[in-house]
Amino acid sequence: MRPVETERSSLYARRAKRAFDITLAVLLLPLIGPIILLLWAITRRDGAPGFFGHQRVGQNGRMFRCWKIRTMVHDAEKRLEECLNNCPEAASEWALYQKLSDDPRVTSMGKFLRRTSLDELPQIWNVLRGDMSFVGPRPVTLQELDRYGPHKSIYLSLRPGITGLWQVDGRTNGCYDERLRMDRAYASKLCFSVDMQLILRTARVVVQPTGR
């Protein structure tokens, strides 16, 4: 990357990226807001909360609650523990991806939300708050951050994103090492054109959902 390109990318990362996030969120909120409310109402019919918030590590190590439409049963942690204890294949898959292809915790509605990525719509609130960006590394827990090893500083230098390289290219079959590689690659070429490309490609992923 040439010095002028590096300087422009740095300026975008420091200032323009946040302004772009706010502008896009404000423009999208009137369209997304009613959809979020409808999905929340449908999800909470089982008596449990419609939203689910989980602690994630943000920029500079600041913890924040990452919001989603709830896709799991109420006793999700207990079901995960039972599944990992009773199924070695599931335990191996969890260790590699921190996900399960056949997750016993996910509701029928939750499977639809995940396939379409609609469960992540409430994260527009995280973007408005400054917890997240539209594009960046996938938000991780403290336990997952340890797996970054010497590359923690790369993740911590950025706001986590609703979408990003891993969310677009790696979510179907990328192992955790590949996820780290993609985060490093994004950080090295962060600029407006890359963010726009990833946002447009995300729309295609939603149309052709993977469910992972």
Foldseek 3Di string as FASTA:
>chain_A
DDPVLVVQLVVCQVPVQLVVQQVVLVVCCVVLVVVLVVQQVVLCPVVDGQKAWDWFQWAQRDIDTQIWGDFFDPPQVVQVVVCVVVDVVQVVVCVWAVDGPDRPGGDPVSLVCLQLVVRRSVNSVVSNVVQAGQEAQATHHPVLLVVLPPNSNLRNNHRHHSWYDCNQPPPQPHTVVVSSVRRVVCSVNRDDVRSVVGVVSVVVCSVVGDSD
